[in-house]
């Protein structure tokens, strides 16, 4: 979703480096979060333990991505020039959230793969 919103902004001649930076910062934040999530081992395989706060944070990130889509759709539908800044910020927020989810998933995948191989 962040990529689609960013492509729309790039078509409006917005600087590409800002979206790459937002993606990179989000990836680093997500990777740090992925490293801090606890992994336990039961009899057969590793298990991820998410606290209630971590589940709520993931929910809020998903809600933020949905809100960026709403802002982009409303801004594109009404076409007011005053909405351009909000559309741009929504695309940056979508890239940040997408990077955070990607970084978290990437680090958890690596950690679970290593933990599963270590228990065999």
N, C-alpha and C. Protein backbone atom coordinates (compact mmCIF):
# COMPACT_ATOMS: atom_id res chain seq x y z
N UNK A 1 0.83 -1.17 0.00
CA UNK A 1 0.00 0.00 0.00
C UNK A 1 0.88 1.25 0.00
N UNK A 2 1.93 1.20 0.79
CA UNK A 2 2.84 2.35 0.82
C UNK A 2 3.48 2.60 -0.53
N UNK A 3 3.78 1.52 -1.24
CA UNK A 3 4.38 1.66 -2.56
C UNK A 3 3.44 2.31 -3.56
N UNK A 4 2.17 1.93 -3.50
CA UNK A 4 1.18 2.51 -4.41
C UNK A 4 1.00 4.00 -4.13
N UNK A 5 0.86 4.34 -2.85
CA UNK A 5 0.70 5.76 -2.50
C UNK A 5 1.95 6.56 -2.87
N UNK A 6 3.11 5.94 -2.72
CA UNK A 6 4.35 6.63 -3.08
C UNK A 6 4.46 6.83 -4.58
N UNK A 7 4.02 5.84 -5.35
CA UNK A 7 4.05 6.01 -6.81
C UNK A 7 3.13 7.15 -7.25
N UNK A 8 1.99 7.28 -6.59
CA UNK A 8 1.11 8.39 -6.92
C UNK A 8 1.77 9.73 -6.61
N UNK A 9 2.52 9.79 -5.51
CA UNK A 9 3.21 11.02 -5.16
C UNK A 9 4.40 11.28 -6.08
N UNK A 10 5.08 10.22 -6.49
CA UNK A 10 6.20 10.38 -7.42
C UNK A 10 5.70 10.87 -8.78
N UNK A 11 4.48 10.48 -9.15
CA UNK A 11 3.91 11.00 -10.39
C UNK A 11 3.63 12.49 -10.29
N UNK A 12 3.43 12.99 -9.07
CA UNK A 12 3.26 14.42 -8.85
C UNK A 12 4.59 15.13 -8.64
N UNK A 13 5.69 14.46 -8.98
CA UNK A 13 7.06 15.00 -8.92
C UNK A 13 7.53 15.32 -7.51
N UNK A 14 7.17 14.47 -6.57
CA UNK A 14 7.71 14.57 -5.22
C UNK A 14 9.08 13.88 -5.19
N UNK A 15 9.98 14.30 -4.30
CA UNK A 15 11.32 13.69 -4.27
C UNK A 15 11.29 12.24 -3.80
N UNK A 16 11.94 11.38 -4.56
CA UNK A 16 11.92 9.94 -4.26
C UNK A 16 12.72 9.60 -3.01
N UNK A 17 13.74 10.39 -2.70
CA UNK A 17 14.60 10.05 -1.56
C UNK A 17 13.83 10.09 -0.25
N UNK A 18 12.79 10.90 -0.17
CA UNK A 18 12.02 10.99 1.07
C UNK A 18 11.28 9.69 1.34
N UNK A 19 10.77 9.05 0.29
CA UNK A 19 10.05 7.80 0.46
C UNK A 19 11.00 6.65 0.78
N UNK A 20 12.19 6.69 0.17
CA UNK A 20 13.20 5.69 0.50
C UNK A 20 13.68 5.82 1.93
N UNK A 21 13.83 7.06 2.37
CA UNK A 21 14.24 7.30 3.76
C UNK A 21 13.17 6.83 4.73
N UNK A 22 11.90 7.12 4.42
CA UNK A 22 10.80 6.68 5.29
C UNK A 22 10.75 5.16 5.35
N UNK A 23 10.94 4.50 4.20
CA UNK A 23 10.95 3.04 4.19
C UNK A 23 12.11 2.49 5.01
N UNK A 24 13.29 3.09 4.86
CA UNK A 24 14.47 2.65 5.62
C UNK A 24 14.31 2.84 7.12
N UNK A 25 13.80 3.99 7.52
CA UNK A 25 13.59 4.25 8.94
C UNK A 25 12.56 3.27 9.50
N UNK A 26 11.49 3.06 8.77
CA UNK A 26 10.47 2.09 9.20
C UNK A 26 11.03 0.69 9.31
N UNK A 27 11.88 0.30 8.35
CA UNK A 27 12.49 -1.03 8.38
C UNK A 27 13.36 -1.20 9.61
N UNK A 28 14.14 -0.18 9.93
CA UNK A 28 15.02 -0.25 11.11
C UNK A 28 14.18 -0.34 12.39
N UNK A 29 13.12 0.46 12.48
CA UNK A 29 12.24 0.40 13.65
C UNK A 29 11.61 -0.99 13.77
N UNK A 30 11.12 -1.52 12.66
CA UNK A 30 10.52 -2.85 12.68
C UNK A 30 11.52 -3.94 13.00
N UNK A 31 12.74 -3.81 12.49
CA UNK A 31 13.77 -4.81 12.77
C UNK A 31 14.14 -4.80 14.25
N UNK A 32 14.25 -3.62 14.83
CA UNK A 32 14.53 -3.54 16.26
C UNK A 32 13.40 -4.18 17.05
N UNK A 33 12.18 -3.90 16.65
CA UNK A 33 11.02 -4.50 17.32
C UNK A 33 11.02 -6.02 17.16
N UNK A 34 11.40 -6.49 15.97
CA UNK A 34 11.47 -7.93 15.74
C UNK A 34 12.54 -8.61 16.57
N UNK A 35 13.62 -7.90 16.87
CA UNK A 35 14.67 -8.48 17.70
C UNK A 35 14.26 -8.54 19.16
N UNK A 36 13.35 -7.65 19.59
CA UNK A 36 12.97 -7.57 20.99
C UNK A 36 11.81 -8.49 21.35
N UNK A 37 11.15 -9.08 20.36
CA UNK A 37 10.03 -9.96 20.64
C UNK A 37 10.55 -11.29 21.18
N UNK A 38 9.95 -11.76 22.26
CA UNK A 38 10.40 -12.98 22.90
C UNK A 38 9.98 -14.24 22.13
N UNK A 39 10.88 -15.19 22.09
CA UNK A 39 10.61 -16.49 21.46
C UNK A 39 10.85 -17.56 22.51
N UNK A 40 9.83 -18.39 22.73
CA UNK A 40 9.94 -19.51 23.65
C UNK A 40 9.96 -20.81 22.86
N UNK A 41 10.46 -21.85 23.49
CA UNK A 41 10.48 -23.16 22.85
C UNK A 41 9.56 -24.10 23.61
N UNK A 42 8.65 -24.71 22.86
CA UNK A 42 7.85 -25.76 23.50
C UNK A 42 8.45 -27.09 23.07
N UNK A 43 7.70 -28.15 23.17
CA UNK A 43 8.25 -29.47 22.91
C UNK A 43 8.64 -29.67 21.44
N UNK A 44 7.95 -29.01 20.53
CA UNK A 44 8.16 -29.30 19.12
C UNK A 44 8.78 -28.18 18.31
N UNK A 45 8.47 -26.95 18.63
CA UNK A 45 8.95 -25.84 17.81
C UNK A 45 8.94 -24.54 18.61
N UNK A 46 9.60 -23.51 18.09
CA UNK A 46 9.60 -22.22 18.79
C UNK A 46 8.24 -21.53 18.67
N UNK A 47 7.92 -20.73 19.70
CA UNK A 47 6.67 -19.97 19.72
C UNK A 47 7.00 -18.50 19.95
N UNK A 48 6.25 -17.65 19.30
CA UNK A 48 6.41 -16.21 19.48
C UNK A 48 5.45 -15.75 20.56
N UNK A 49 5.96 -15.04 21.54
CA UNK A 49 5.13 -14.48 22.60
C UNK A 49 4.95 -12.99 22.37
N UNK A 50 3.74 -12.61 22.03
CA UNK A 50 3.43 -11.19 21.86
C UNK A 50 2.64 -10.72 23.06
N UNK A 51 3.09 -9.64 23.63
CA UNK A 51 2.35 -9.05 24.74
C UNK A 51 1.10 -8.35 24.21
N UNK A 52 0.23 -8.00 25.11
CA UNK A 52 -0.99 -7.30 24.70
C UNK A 52 -0.64 -5.95 24.07
N UNK A 53 0.36 -5.28 24.61
CA UNK A 53 0.79 -3.98 24.07
C UNK A 53 1.33 -4.14 22.65
N UNK A 54 2.08 -5.22 22.39
CA UNK A 54 2.61 -5.46 21.05
C UNK A 54 1.50 -5.74 20.05
N UNK A 55 0.48 -6.46 20.49
CA UNK A 55 -0.66 -6.72 19.60
C UNK A 55 -1.41 -5.43 19.29
N UNK A 56 -1.56 -4.57 20.29
CA UNK A 56 -2.23 -3.29 20.06
C UNK A 56 -1.41 -2.38 19.14
N UNK A 57 -0.09 -2.41 19.29
CA UNK A 57 0.76 -1.61 18.42
C UNK A 57 0.62 -2.07 16.97
N UNK A 58 0.60 -3.37 16.76
CA UNK A 58 0.44 -3.89 15.41
C UNK A 58 -0.93 -3.49 14.84
N UNK A 59 -1.95 -3.49 15.67
CA UNK A 59 -3.27 -3.06 15.24
C UNK A 59 -3.26 -1.58 14.86
N UNK A 60 -2.60 -0.75 15.66
CA UNK A 60 -2.55 0.68 15.35
C UNK A 60 -1.77 0.97 14.09
N UNK A 61 -0.73 0.18 13.82
CA UNK A 61 0.01 0.36 12.57
C UNK A 61 -0.89 0.04 11.38
N UNK A 62 -1.67 -1.03 11.49
CA UNK A 62 -2.60 -1.39 10.42
C UNK A 62 -3.68 -0.32 10.25
N UNK A 63 -4.17 0.23 11.35
CA UNK A 63 -5.17 1.31 11.27
C UNK A 63 -4.55 2.55 10.62
N UNK A 64 -3.30 2.85 10.94
CA UNK A 64 -2.62 4.00 10.34
C UNK A 64 -2.49 3.83 8.83
N UNK A 65 -2.18 2.62 8.37
CA UNK A 65 -2.10 2.38 6.93
C UNK A 65 -3.47 2.59 6.29
N UNK A 66 -4.52 2.10 6.93
CA UNK A 66 -5.87 2.32 6.41
C UNK A 66 -6.23 3.80 6.37
N UNK A 67 -5.82 4.54 7.38
CA UNK A 67 -6.10 5.98 7.42
C UNK A 67 -5.37 6.71 6.30
N UNK A 68 -4.17 6.27 5.96
CA UNK A 68 -3.44 6.91 4.86
C UNK A 68 -4.16 6.69 3.54
N UNK A 69 -4.76 5.53 3.38
CA UNK A 69 -5.52 5.26 2.16
C UNK A 69 -6.75 6.17 2.08
N UNK A 70 -7.43 6.35 3.21
CA UNK A 70 -8.60 7.23 3.25
C UNK A 70 -8.20 8.66 2.90
N UNK A 71 -7.09 9.14 3.47
CA UNK A 71 -6.63 10.50 3.18
C UNK A 71 -6.29 10.64 1.70
N UNK A 72 -5.62 9.66 1.14
CA UNK A 72 -5.25 9.72 -0.28
C UNK A 72 -6.48 9.70 -1.17
N UNK A 73 -7.43 8.83 -0.86
CA UNK A 73 -8.65 8.74 -1.68
C UNK A 73 -9.47 10.03 -1.60
N UNK A 74 -9.63 10.58 -0.40
CA UNK A 74 -10.38 11.82 -0.26
C UNK A 74 -9.67 12.98 -0.95
N UNK A 75 -8.36 13.02 -0.82
CA UNK A 75 -7.59 14.08 -1.48
C UNK A 75 -7.65 13.99 -2.98
N UNK A 76 -7.59 12.78 -3.51
CA UNK A 76 -7.67 12.59 -4.95
C UNK A 76 -9.09 12.85 -5.47
N UNK A 77 -10.09 12.47 -4.69
CA UNK A 77 -11.48 12.65 -5.12
C UNK A 77 -11.86 14.12 -5.18
N UNK A 78 -11.54 14.85 -4.13
CA UNK A 78 -11.93 16.26 -4.09
C UNK A 78 -10.97 17.15 -4.87
N UNK A 79 -9.71 16.76 -4.96
CA UNK A 79 -8.75 17.47 -5.80
C UNK A 79 -8.39 18.88 -5.36
N UNK A 80 -8.63 19.21 -4.10
CA UNK A 80 -8.25 20.53 -3.63
C UNK A 80 -6.74 20.60 -3.45
N UNK A 81 -6.12 21.70 -3.86
CA UNK A 81 -4.66 21.83 -3.67
C UNK A 81 -4.26 21.86 -2.20
N UNK A 82 -5.20 22.21 -1.31
CA UNK A 82 -4.90 22.25 0.12
C UNK A 82 -4.64 20.85 0.68
N UNK A 83 -5.16 19.83 0.01
CA UNK A 83 -4.99 18.45 0.46
C UNK A 83 -3.66 17.84 0.04
N UNK A 84 -2.90 18.53 -0.82
CA UNK A 84 -1.66 17.95 -1.34
C UNK A 84 -0.66 17.64 -0.23
N UNK A 85 -0.54 18.52 0.75
CA UNK A 85 0.39 18.27 1.85
C UNK A 85 -0.05 17.06 2.66
N UNK A 86 -1.36 16.94 2.91
CA UNK A 86 -1.86 15.80 3.67
C UNK A 86 -1.69 14.50 2.89
N UNK A 87 -1.86 14.56 1.58
CA UNK A 87 -1.65 13.36 0.75
C UNK A 87 -0.18 12.95 0.78
N UNK A 88 0.71 13.93 0.72
CA UNK A 88 2.14 13.65 0.77
C UNK A 88 2.54 13.03 2.11
N UNK A 89 2.05 13.61 3.20
CA UNK A 89 2.36 13.08 4.53
C UNK A 89 1.74 11.69 4.74
N UNK A 90 0.57 11.47 4.16
CA UNK A 90 -0.05 10.15 4.25
C UNK A 90 0.77 9.10 3.53
N UNK A 91 1.32 9.46 2.37
CA UNK A 91 2.17 8.52 1.63
C UNK A 91 3.45 8.22 2.41
N UNK A 92 4.03 9.25 3.05
CA UNK A 92 5.22 9.02 3.87
C UNK A 92 4.90 8.12 5.07
N UNK A 93 3.76 8.36 5.70
CA UNK A 93 3.37 7.53 6.84
C UNK A 93 3.11 6.09 6.40
N UNK A 94 2.53 5.91 5.23
CA UNK A 94 2.30 4.55 4.72
C UNK A 94 3.62 3.84 4.47
N UNK A 95 4.59 4.54 3.93
CA UNK A 95 5.91 3.93 3.70
C UNK A 95 6.59 3.58 5.01
N UNK A 96 6.46 4.45 6.00
CA UNK A 96 7.05 4.19 7.31
C UNK A 96 6.41 2.95 7.94
N UNK A 97 5.10 2.88 7.91
CA UNK A 97 4.40 1.71 8.48
C UNK A 97 4.71 0.44 7.71
N UNK A 98 4.76 0.54 6.40
CA UNK A 98 5.08 -0.64 5.59
C UNK A 98 6.50 -1.13 5.88
N UNK A 99 7.42 -0.21 6.02
CA UNK A 99 8.79 -0.59 6.37
C UNK A 99 8.87 -1.23 7.73
N UNK A 100 8.11 -0.70 8.69
CA UNK A 100 8.11 -1.27 10.04
C UNK A 100 7.55 -2.69 10.05
N UNK A 101 6.46 -2.91 9.32
CA UNK A 101 5.89 -4.26 9.26
C UNK A 101 6.83 -5.22 8.53
N UNK A 102 7.47 -4.73 7.47
CA UNK A 102 8.40 -5.58 6.72
C UNK A 102 9.62 -5.92 7.56
N UNK A 103 10.19 -4.95 8.25
CA UNK A 103 11.36 -5.20 9.07
C UNK A 103 11.07 -6.16 10.21
N UNK A 104 9.93 -5.99 10.84
CA UNK A 104 9.54 -6.89 11.94
C UNK A 104 9.35 -8.31 11.43
N UNK A 105 8.65 -8.46 10.31
CA UNK A 105 8.42 -9.78 9.75
C UNK A 105 9.73 -10.43 9.30
N UNK A 106 10.62 -9.64 8.71
CA UNK A 106 11.89 -10.17 8.23
C UNK A 106 12.74 -10.70 9.38
N UNK A 107 12.87 -9.90 10.44
CA UNK A 107 13.69 -10.33 11.58
C UNK A 107 13.07 -11.50 12.32
N UNK A 108 11.75 -11.51 12.46
CA UNK A 108 11.10 -12.65 13.11
C UNK A 108 11.26 -13.92 12.30
N UNK A 109 11.20 -13.81 10.97
CA UNK A 109 11.40 -14.99 10.12
C UNK A 109 12.79 -15.56 10.29
N UNK A 110 13.78 -14.69 10.30
CA UNK A 110 15.16 -15.15 10.49
C UNK A 110 15.33 -15.78 11.87
N UNK A 111 14.81 -15.12 12.90
CA UNK A 111 14.96 -15.65 14.26
C UNK A 111 14.24 -16.98 14.43
N UNK A 112 13.05 -17.10 13.88
CA UNK A 112 12.32 -18.37 14.00
C UNK A 112 12.98 -19.48 13.20
N UNK A 113 13.53 -19.14 12.05
CA UNK A 113 14.24 -20.16 11.26
C UNK A 113 15.47 -20.67 12.00
N UNK A 114 16.21 -19.75 12.59
CA UNK A 114 17.40 -20.15 13.36
C UNK A 114 17.02 -20.94 14.59
N UNK A 115 15.95 -20.53 15.27
CA UNK A 115 15.52 -21.23 16.48
C UNK A 115 15.01 -22.63 16.15
N UNK A 116 14.32 -22.76 15.02
CA UNK A 116 13.81 -24.06 14.62
C UNK A 116 14.94 -25.00 14.23
N UNK A 117 15.95 -24.51 13.58
CA UNK A 117 17.10 -25.33 13.20
C UNK A 117 17.94 -25.73 14.41
N UNK A 118 17.97 -24.82 15.39
CA UNK A 118 18.77 -25.10 16.59
C UNK A 118 18.16 -26.17 17.46
N UNK A 119 16.82 -26.34 17.38
CA UNK A 119 16.16 -27.32 18.24
C UNK A 119 16.16 -28.71 17.63
N UNK A 120 16.49 -28.83 16.34
CA UNK A 120 16.45 -30.15 15.69
C UNK A 120 17.71 -30.94 15.96
